[in-house]
Amino acid sequence: MAFIDLNSDVGESFGNWKMGDDAAIFTSVSSANVACGFHAGDPSTIRQTCRDAVAASVTIGAHVGYRDLAGFGRRFLDCSATELADDVLYQLGALQALARSAGGEIKYVKPHGALYNTIVHHEVHAQAVVDAIKAFGEDLPVLLLPGSVALAKAEQAGLRGVAEAFADRNYTPEGTLVSRREANAVLHDPAAVTENMIRLATEGTLTAVDGSTITMPAESICLHGDTAGAVAMAAAVRQGLEQAGVEIRSFV
């Protein structure tokens, strides 16, 4: 692969509660998954994040989630398809307004947390997310886990499905993410993470939690901005990829 996208979850601070260092992350990534206010982020934080992304020439994406501020969007909500589709559409409209005020535009969508993981298998919620993106009217690409139900539904609806991998997360041998409820879900060693991401970008494979090799076709790599050492890890991954001859650029 001659190039790959690096994305990060940003705009997740809320009032006096601060999450991550978005401005620092923007020096390493090419795409920004901006919170839309339902799992994290307040209007002023979101608007400033969009300004910073535009200034750094980082592509803006909508990081939509379940309506779950208290749980940071990491809890499944048993809502109807209509309610979920309306919630996602609402988030897209809010972020688009704030992005445009900052001189930017939404260029893609990435579901967050429990919503992202749920629509790997959940037919109804996967369809609701796709329906909301179609209703938004701009046929935005959507970042999803390879092999997910949502990825298939997006492509069936004429949307561009973009497969991604997670730099700082462990994978099961089946190619799904190790649950955050387990102690080894998150990776913290920048050298090991960088080595794994170089293998992903150049060979299309990753090392799973049990040491096995799994095939992982991905156009984008997610670097979470809220994990400990996130800024240093993002810089290490970018440097390692570039030294391996992989260009970092947005997929849109």
C-alpha atoms as a PDB file:
ATOM      1  CA  MET A   1       0.000   0.000   0.000  1.00  0.00           C
ATOM      2  CA  ALA A   2       1.470   3.357  -1.058  1.00  0.00           C
ATOM      3  CA  PHE A   3      -0.595   5.365   1.430  1.00  0.00           C
ATOM      4  CA  ILE A   4      -2.917   5.012   4.415  1.00  0.00           C
ATOM      5  CA  ASP A   5      -5.146   7.300   6.476  1.00  0.00           C
ATOM      6  CA  LEU A   6      -4.640   7.913  10.193  1.00  0.00           C
ATOM      7  CA  ASN A   7      -7.783   8.914  12.095  1.00  0.00           C
ATOM      8  CA  SER A   8      -8.431   9.881  15.706  1.00  0.00           C
ATOM      9  CA  ASP A   9     -11.475  10.488  17.910  1.00  0.00           C
ATOM     10  CA  VAL A  10     -11.519  14.170  18.913  1.00  0.00           C
ATOM     11  CA  GLY A  11     -13.785  16.923  20.230  1.00  0.00           C
ATOM     12  CA  GLU A  12     -14.752  14.749  23.188  1.00  0.00           C
ATOM     13  CA  SER A  13     -14.215  17.273  25.976  1.00  0.00           C
ATOM     14  CA  PHE A  14     -17.367  18.495  27.720  1.00  0.00           C
ATOM     15  CA  GLY A  15     -17.503  21.810  29.580  1.00  0.00           C
ATOM     16  CA  ASN A  16     -14.756  21.757  32.224  1.00  0.00           C
ATOM     17  CA  TRP A  17     -14.107  18.045  31.643  1.00  0.00           C
ATOM     18  CA  LYS A  18     -11.158  17.627  29.287  1.00  0.00           C
ATOM     19  CA  MET A  19     -10.507  14.600  27.113  1.00  0.00           C
ATOM     20  CA  GLY A  20      -7.328  14.178  25.078  1.00  0.00           C
ATOM     21  CA  ASP A  21      -5.064  16.731  23.401  1.00  0.00           C
ATOM     22  CA  ASP A  22      -6.696  17.270  20.023  1.00  0.00           C
ATOM     23  CA  ALA A  23      -4.346  19.995  18.788  1.00  0.00           C
ATOM     24  CA  ALA A  24      -1.331  17.746  19.407  1.00  0.00           C
ATOM     25  CA  ILE A  25      -2.986  14.732  17.760  1.00  0.00           C
ATOM     26  CA  PHE A  26      -3.650  16.837  14.655  1.00  0.00           C
ATOM     27  CA  THR A  27       0.095  16.985  13.977  1.00  0.00           C
ATOM     28  CA  SER A  28       0.069  13.221  13.323  1.00  0.00           C
ATOM     29  CA  VAL A  29      -3.316  12.258  11.844  1.00  0.00           C
ATOM     30  CA  SER A  30      -4.984  12.983   8.510  1.00  0.00           C
ATOM     31  CA  SER A  31      -8.637  12.553   9.570  1.00  0.00           C
ATOM     32  CA  ALA A  32     -10.565  13.729  12.639  1.00  0.00           C
ATOM     33  CA  ASN A  33     -13.584  11.840  13.991  1.00  0.00           C
ATOM     34  CA  VAL A  34     -15.327  14.774  15.668  1.00  0.00           C
ATOM     35  CA  ALA A  35     -17.807  14.011  18.455  1.00  0.00           C
ATOM     36  CA  CYS A  36     -21.324  15.239  17.701  1.00  0.00           C
ATOM     37  CA  GLY A  37     -22.639  15.907  21.214  1.00  0.00           C
ATOM     38  CA  PHE A  38     -24.467  12.655  21.946  1.00  0.00           C
ATOM     39  CA  HIS A  39     -21.660  10.583  23.464  1.00  0.00           C
ATOM     40  CA  ALA A  40     -19.302  13.511  24.146  1.00  0.00           C
ATOM     41  CA  GLY A  41     -18.567  17.086  23.168  1.00  0.00           C
ATOM     42  CA  ASP A  42     -20.381  20.372  23.715  1.00  0.00           C
ATOM     43  CA  PRO A  43     -21.068  22.918  20.940  1.00  0.00           C
ATOM     44  CA  SER A  44     -18.151  25.209  21.784  1.00  0.00           C
ATOM     45  CA  THR A  45     -15.713  22.310  22.035  1.00  0.00           C
ATOM     46  CA  ILE A  46     -16.944  20.832  18.764  1.00  0.00           C
ATOM     47  CA  ARG A  47     -16.737  24.141  16.912  1.00  0.00           C
ATOM     48  CA  GLN A  48     -13.208  24.829  18.171  1.00  0.00           C
ATOM     49  CA  THR A  49     -12.165  21.304  17.221  1.00  0.00           C
ATOM     50  CA  CYS A  50     -13.421  21.953  13.694  1.00  0.00           C
ATOM     51  CA  ARG A  51     -11.461  25.204  13.552  1.00  0.00           C
ATOM     52  CA  ASP A  52      -8.310  23.396  14.670  1.00  0.00           C
ATOM     53  CA  ALA A  53      -8.862  20.607  12.138  1.00  0.00           C
ATOM     54  CA  VAL A  54      -9.301  23.093   9.293  1.00  0.00           C
ATOM     55  CA  ALA A  55      -6.155  24.983  10.365  1.00  0.00           C
ATOM     56  CA  ALA A  56      -4.191  21.718  10.400  1.00  0.00           C
ATOM     57  CA  SER A  57      -5.631  20.579   7.020  1.00  0.00           C
ATOM     58  CA  VAL A  58      -7.123  17.519   8.718  1.00  0.00           C
ATOM     59  CA  THR A  59     -10.283  16.007   7.172  1.00  0.00           C
ATOM     60  CA  ILE A  60     -13.421  16.269   9.324  1.00  0.00           C
ATOM     61  CA  GLY A  61     -15.609  13.223   9.921  1.00  0.00           C
ATOM     62  CA  ALA A  62     -18.753  12.831  12.038  1.00  0.00           C
ATOM     63  CA  HIS A  63     -18.246  10.589  15.078  1.00  0.00           C
ATOM     64  CA  VAL A  64     -21.874   9.643  15.731  1.00  0.00           C
ATOM     65  CA  GLY A  65     -22.967   7.546  18.695  1.00  0.00           C
ATOM     66  CA  TYR A  66     -25.785   6.400  20.915  1.00  0.00           C
ATOM     67  CA  ARG A  67     -27.393   9.141  23.025  1.00  0.00           C
ATOM     68  CA  ASP A  68     -25.331   8.260  26.085  1.00  0.00           C
ATOM     69  CA  LEU A  69     -23.315  11.111  27.591  1.00  0.00           C
ATOM     70  CA  ALA A  70     -23.094   9.469  31.015  1.00  0.00           C
ATOM     71  CA  GLY A  71     -21.659   6.280  29.558  1.00  0.00           C
ATOM     72  CA  PHE A  72     -19.476   7.985  26.939  1.00  0.00           C
ATOM     73  CA  GLY A  73     -21.407   6.119  24.270  1.00  0.00           C
ATOM     74  CA  ARG A  74     -20.008   2.767  25.333  1.00  0.00           C
ATOM     75  CA  ARG A  75     -23.362   1.263  26.368  1.00  0.00           C
ATOM     76  CA  PHE A  76     -25.795  -0.419  23.989  1.00  0.00           C
ATOM     77  CA  LEU A  77     -29.157   1.345  23.746  1.00  0.00           C
ATOM     78  CA  ASP A  78     -32.129  -0.794  22.770  1.00  0.00           C
ATOM     79  CA  CYS A  79     -33.768   1.954  20.718  1.00  0.00           C
ATOM     80  CA  SER A  80     -35.951   1.550  17.654  1.00  0.00           C
ATOM     81  CA  ALA A  81     -34.570   1.843  14.136  1.00  0.00           C
ATOM     82  CA  THR A  82     -36.475   5.105  13.640  1.00  0.00           C
ATOM     83  CA  GLU A  83     -35.153   6.655  16.842  1.00  0.00           C
ATOM     84  CA  LEU A  84     -31.578   5.655  16.071  1.00  0.00           C
ATOM     85  CA  ALA A  85     -31.742   6.899  12.490  1.00  0.00           C
ATOM     86  CA  ASP A  86     -33.174  10.225  13.674  1.00  0.00           C
ATOM     87  CA  ASP A  87     -30.484  10.528  16.354  1.00  0.00           C
ATOM     88  CA  VAL A  88     -27.709   9.908  13.825  1.00  0.00           C
ATOM     89  CA  LEU A  89     -29.241  12.355  11.335  1.00  0.00           C
ATOM     90  CA  TYR A  90     -29.531  14.983  14.089  1.00  0.00           C
ATOM     91  CA  GLN A  91     -25.844  14.579  14.929  1.00  0.00           C
ATOM     92  CA  LEU A  92     -24.818  14.913  11.284  1.00  0.00           C
ATOM     93  CA  GLY A  93     -26.778  18.133  10.918  1.00  0.00           C
ATOM     94  CA  ALA A  94     -25.346  19.636  14.108  1.00  0.00           C
ATOM     95  CA  LEU A  95     -21.749  18.854  13.183  1.00  0.00           C
ATOM     96  CA  GLN A  96     -22.192  20.071   9.617  1.00  0.00           C
ATOM     97  CA  ALA A  97     -23.377  23.455  10.895  1.00  0.00           C
ATOM     98  CA  LEU A  98     -20.416  23.788  13.259  1.00  0.00           C
ATOM     99  CA  ALA A  99     -17.927  22.519  10.673  1.00  0.00           C
ATOM    100  CA  ARG A 100     -19.153  24.979   8.031  1.00  0.00           C
ATOM    101  CA  SER A 101     -18.896  27.855  10.493  1.00  0.00           C
ATOM    102  CA  ALA A 102     -15.222  26.908  10.859  1.00  0.00           C
ATOM    103  CA  GLY A 103     -14.646  26.761   7.096  1.00  0.00           C
ATOM    104  CA  GLY A 104     -14.898  22.974   6.829  1.00  0.00           C
ATOM    105  CA  GLU A 105     -17.302  20.227   5.783  1.00  0.00           C
ATOM    106  CA  ILE A 106     -18.163  16.725   6.980  1.00  0.00           C
ATOM    107  CA  LYS A 107     -16.405  14.340   4.599  1.00  0.00           C
ATOM    108  CA  TYR A 108     -17.207  10.943   6.167  1.00  0.00           C
ATOM    109  CA  VAL A 109     -18.944   9.209   9.093  1.00  0.00           C
ATOM    110  CA  LYS A 110     -17.562   6.937  11.785  1.00  0.00           C
ATOM    111  CA  PRO A 111     -19.844   5.412  14.443  1.00  0.00           C
ATOM    112  CA  HIS A 112     -18.533   5.542  18.009  1.00  0.00           C
ATOM    113  CA  GLY A 113     -18.110   3.029  20.796  1.00  0.00           C
ATOM    114  CA  ALA A 114     -21.039   0.720  21.459  1.00  0.00           C
ATOM    115  CA  LEU A 115     -22.771   1.775  18.248  1.00  0.00           C
ATOM    116  CA  TYR A 116     -19.680   0.878  16.207  1.00  0.00           C
ATOM    117  CA  ASN A 117     -19.419  -2.528  17.865  1.00  0.00           C
ATOM    118  CA  THR A 118     -23.167  -3.227  17.791  1.00  0.00           C
ATOM    119  CA  ILE A 119     -23.508  -2.725  14.044  1.00  0.00           C
ATOM    120  CA  VAL A 120     -20.832  -5.293  13.374  1.00  0.00           C
ATOM    121  CA  HIS A 121     -23.651  -7.844  13.867  1.00  0.00           C
ATOM    122  CA  HIS A 122     -26.923  -5.981  14.612  1.00  0.00           C
ATOM    123  CA  GLU A 123     -28.942  -5.885  11.380  1.00  0.00           C
ATOM    124  CA  VAL A 124     -31.558  -3.354  12.506  1.00  0.00           C
ATOM    125  CA  HIS A 125     -29.189  -0.782  13.984  1.00  0.00           C
ATOM    126  CA  ALA A 126     -26.760  -1.185  11.088  1.00  0.00           C
ATOM    127  CA  GLN A 127     -29.540  -0.410   8.630  1.00  0.00           C
ATOM    128  CA  ALA A 128     -30.655   2.579  10.731  1.00  0.00           C
ATOM    129  CA  VAL A 129     -27.185   4.123  10.589  1.00  0.00           C
ATOM    130  CA  VAL A 130     -27.000   3.609   6.825  1.00  0.00           C
ATOM    131  CA  ASP A 131     -30.500   5.055   6.381  1.00  0.00           C
ATOM    132  CA  ALA A 132     -29.529   8.168   8.363  1.00  0.00           C
ATOM    133  CA  ILE A 133     -26.445   8.762   6.236  1.00  0.00           C
ATOM    134  CA  LYS A 134     -28.513   8.366   3.071  1.00  0.00           C
ATOM    135  CA  ALA A 135     -31.145  10.758   4.457  1.00  0.00           C
ATOM    136  CA  PHE A 136     -28.427  13.338   5.103  1.00  0.00           C
ATOM    137  CA  GLY A 137     -28.157  13.434   1.350  1.00  0.00           C
ATOM    138  CA  GLU A 138     -24.445  13.606   0.659  1.00  0.00           C
ATOM    139  CA  ASP A 139     -23.637   9.866   0.423  1.00  0.00           C
ATOM    140  CA  LEU A 140     -20.733  10.168   2.853  1.00  0.00           C
ATOM    141  CA  PRO A 141     -18.209   7.321   3.137  1.00  0.00           C
ATOM    142  CA  VAL A 142     -18.464   5.397   6.409  1.00  0.00           C
ATOM    143  CA  LEU A 143     -15.583   3.975   8.466  1.00  0.00           C
ATOM    144  CA  LEU A 144     -16.384   0.494   9.782  1.00  0.00           C
ATOM    145  CA  LEU A 145     -14.852  -2.772  10.938  1.00  0.00           C
ATOM    146  CA  PRO A 146     -13.923  -5.158   8.081  1.00  0.00           C
ATOM    147  CA  GLY A 147     -16.481  -7.925   7.688  1.00  0.00           C
ATOM    148  CA  SER A 148     -19.201  -6.069   9.582  1.00  0.00           C
ATOM    149  CA  VAL A 149     -22.906  -6.169   8.719  1.00  0.00           C
ATOM    150  CA  ALA A 150     -22.887  -2.368   8.538  1.00  0.00           C
ATOM    151  CA  LEU A 151     -20.082  -2.377   5.978  1.00  0.00           C
ATOM    152  CA  ALA A 152     -22.081  -4.704   3.730  1.00  0.00           C
ATOM    153  CA  LYS A 153     -25.263  -2.649   4.158  1.00  0.00           C
ATOM    154  CA  ALA A 154     -23.432   0.597   3.396  1.00  0.00           C
ATOM    155  CA  GLU A 155     -22.114  -0.796   0.139  1.00  0.00           C
ATOM    156  CA  GLN A 156     -25.534  -2.217  -0.768  1.00  0.00           C
ATOM    157  CA  ALA A 157     -26.974   1.284  -0.297  1.00  0.00           C
ATOM    158  CA  GLY A 158     -24.406   2.801  -2.625  1.00  0.00           C
ATOM    159  CA  LEU A 159     -22.238   4.273   0.124  1.00  0.00           C
ATOM    160  CA  ARG A 160     -18.490   3.839   0.151  1.00  0.00           C
ATOM    161  CA  GLY A 161     -17.549   1.532   3.008  1.00  0.00           C
ATOM    162  CA  VAL A 162     -14.047   2.176   4.343  1.00  0.00           C
ATOM    163  CA  ALA A 163     -12.494  -0.617   6.397  1.00  0.00           C
ATOM    164  CA  GLU A 164     -10.315   0.446   9.303  1.00  0.00           C
ATOM    165  CA  ALA A 165      -7.981  -1.057  11.860  1.00  0.00           C
ATOM    166  CA  PHE A 166      -7.237   0.081  15.406  1.00  0.00           C
ATOM    167  CA  ALA A 167      -3.616   0.737  16.306  1.00  0.00           C
ATOM    168  CA  ASP A 168      -4.000   0.683  20.082  1.00  0.00           C
ATOM    169  CA  ARG A 169      -6.500  -2.151  20.411  1.00  0.00           C
ATOM    170  CA  ASN A 170      -5.997  -5.915  20.584  1.00  0.00           C
ATOM    171  CA  TYR A 171      -7.826  -8.199  18.170  1.00  0.00           C
ATOM    172  CA  THR A 172      -9.346 -11.625  18.624  1.00  0.00           C
ATOM    173  CA  PRO A 173      -8.281 -14.401  16.224  1.00  0.00           C
ATOM    174  CA  GLU A 174     -11.665 -13.848  14.491  1.00  0.00           C
ATOM    175  CA  GLY A 175     -10.719 -10.267  13.612  1.00  0.00           C
ATOM    176  CA  THR A 176     -12.980  -8.467  16.107  1.00  0.00           C
ATOM    177  CA  LEU A 177     -11.823  -6.125  18.869  1.00  0.00           C
ATOM    178  CA  VAL A 178     -11.035  -7.560  22.296  1.00  0.00           C
ATOM    179  CA  SER A 179     -13.697  -6.213  24.683  1.00  0.00           C
ATOM    180  CA  ARG A 180     -12.708  -3.240  26.820  1.00  0.00           C
ATOM    181  CA  ARG A 181     -13.975  -5.274  29.756  1.00  0.00           C
ATOM    182  CA  GLU A 182     -10.847  -7.421  29.396  1.00  0.00           C
ATOM    183  CA  ALA A 183      -7.491  -6.336  30.804  1.00  0.00           C
ATOM    184  CA  ASN A 184      -5.552  -6.712  27.552  1.00  0.00           C
ATOM    185  CA  ALA A 185      -7.965  -4.795  25.308  1.00  0.00           C
ATOM    186  CA  VAL A 186      -5.770  -1.712  24.916  1.00  0.00           C
ATOM    187  CA  LEU A 187      -2.135  -1.659  23.726  1.00  0.00           C
ATOM    188  CA  HIS A 188       0.308   0.842  25.270  1.00  0.00           C
ATOM    189  CA  ASP A 189       3.754   0.024  23.794  1.00  0.00           C
ATOM    190  CA  PRO A 190       4.435   2.496  20.925  1.00  0.00           C
ATOM    191  CA  ALA A 191       7.165   0.310  19.423  1.00  0.00           C
ATOM    192  CA  ALA A 192       4.965  -2.798  19.297  1.00  0.00           C
ATOM    193  CA  VAL A 193       1.988  -0.827  17.986  1.00  0.00           C
ATOM    194  CA  THR A 194       4.114   0.808  15.288  1.00  0.00           C
ATOM    195  CA  GLU A 195       5.519  -2.543  14.164  1.00  0.00           C
ATOM    196  CA  ASN A 196       1.998  -3.957  13.953  1.00  0.00           C
ATOM    197  CA  MET A 197       0.756  -0.965  11.912  1.00  0.00           C
ATOM    198  CA  ILE A 198       3.651  -1.157   9.471  1.00  0.00           C
ATOM    199  CA  ARG A 199       2.762  -4.813   8.909  1.00  0.00           C
ATOM    200  CA  LEU A 200      -0.871  -3.808   8.377  1.00  0.00           C
ATOM    201  CA  ALA A 201      -0.034  -1.105   5.833  1.00  0.00           C
ATOM    202  CA  THR A 202       2.538  -3.129   3.892  1.00  0.00           C
ATOM    203  CA  GLU A 203       1.221  -6.698   4.185  1.00  0.00           C
ATOM    204  CA  GLY A 204      -2.453  -6.381   5.168  1.00  0.00           C
ATOM    205  CA  THR A 205      -2.053  -8.472   8.327  1.00  0.00           C
ATOM    206  CA  LEU A 206      -2.103  -7.971  12.104  1.00  0.00           C
ATOM    207  CA  THR A 207      -1.008 -10.013  15.116  1.00  0.00           C
ATOM    208  CA  ALA A 208      -4.007 -11.081  17.225  1.00  0.00           C
ATOM    209  CA  VAL A 209      -4.077 -11.299  21.010  1.00  0.00           C
ATOM    210  CA  ASP A 210      -3.178 -15.012  20.929  1.00  0.00           C
ATOM    211  CA  GLY A 211      -0.169 -14.388  18.682  1.00  0.00           C
ATOM    212  CA  SER A 212      -1.831 -15.630  15.506  1.00  0.00           C
ATOM    213  CA  THR A 213      -1.719 -13.670  12.246  1.00  0.00           C
ATOM    214  CA  ILE A 214      -5.000 -12.347  10.886  1.00  0.00           C
ATOM    215  CA  THR A 215      -5.771 -10.727   7.538  1.00  0.00           C
ATOM    216  CA  MET A 216      -6.948  -7.137   7.979  1.00  0.00           C
ATOM    217  CA  PRO A 217      -7.753  -5.141   4.831  1.00  0.00           C
ATOM    218  CA  ALA A 218      -7.869  -1.508   5.950  1.00  0.00           C
ATOM    219  CA  GLU A 219      -7.714   1.918   4.333  1.00  0.00           C
ATOM    220  CA  SER A 220      -7.482   3.758   7.646  1.00  0.00           C
ATOM    221  CA  ILE A 221      -5.880   3.299  11.065  1.00  0.00           C
ATOM    222  CA  CYS A 222      -7.545   4.638  14.211  1.00  0.00           C
ATOM    223  CA  LEU A 223      -5.368   6.148  16.934  1.00  0.00           C
ATOM    224  CA  HIS A 224      -7.551   6.860  19.967  1.00  0.00           C
ATOM    225  CA  GLY A 225      -6.909  10.306  21.395  1.00  0.00           C
ATOM    226  CA  ASP A 226      -8.171   9.491  24.901  1.00  0.00           C
ATOM    227  CA  THR A 227      -5.747   6.697  25.849  1.00  0.00           C
ATOM    228  CA  ALA A 228      -2.659   7.298  27.982  1.00  0.00           C
ATOM    229  CA  GLY A 229       0.307   8.390  25.848  1.00  0.00           C
ATOM    230  CA  ALA A 230      -1.905   8.869  22.798  1.00  0.00           C
ATOM    231  CA  VAL A 231       0.030  11.828  21.370  1.00  0.00           C
ATOM    232  CA  ALA A 232       3.411  10.068  21.587  1.00  0.00           C
ATOM    233  CA  MET A 233       1.946   6.875  20.144  1.00  0.00           C
ATOM    234  CA  ALA A 234       0.366   8.715  17.213  1.00  0.00           C
ATOM    235  CA  ALA A 235       3.672  10.427  16.439  1.00  0.00           C
ATOM    236  CA  ALA A 236       5.559   7.112  16.654  1.00  0.00           C
ATOM    237  CA  VAL A 237       3.113   5.337  14.331  1.00  0.00           C
ATOM    238  CA  ARG A 238       3.235   8.129  11.768  1.00  0.00           C
ATOM    239  CA  GLN A 239       7.025   8.271  11.829  1.00  0.00           C
ATOM    240  CA  GLY A 240       7.329   4.494  11.549  1.00  0.00           C
ATOM    241  CA  LEU A 241       4.942   4.308   8.615  1.00  0.00           C
ATOM    242  CA  GLU A 242       6.650   7.132   6.749  1.00  0.00           C
ATOM    243  CA  GLN A 243      10.057   5.563   7.314  1.00  0.00           C
ATOM    244  CA  ALA A 244       8.627   2.353   5.852  1.00  0.00           C
ATOM    245  CA  GLY A 245       7.647   4.264   2.707  1.00  0.00           C
ATOM    246  CA  VAL A 246       3.933   4.631   3.495  1.00  0.00           C
ATOM    247  CA  GLU A 247       2.415   8.047   2.789  1.00  0.00           C
ATOM    248  CA  ILE A 248      -0.104   9.385   5.328  1.00  0.00           C
ATOM    249  CA  ARG A 249      -3.155  10.970   3.718  1.00  0.00           C
ATOM    250  CA  SER A 250      -6.928  11.048   4.049  1.00  0.00           C
ATOM    251  CA  PHE A 251      -8.976   8.421   2.228  1.00  0.00           C
ATOM    252  CA  VAL A 252     -11.300  11.145   0.873  1.00  0.00           C
END
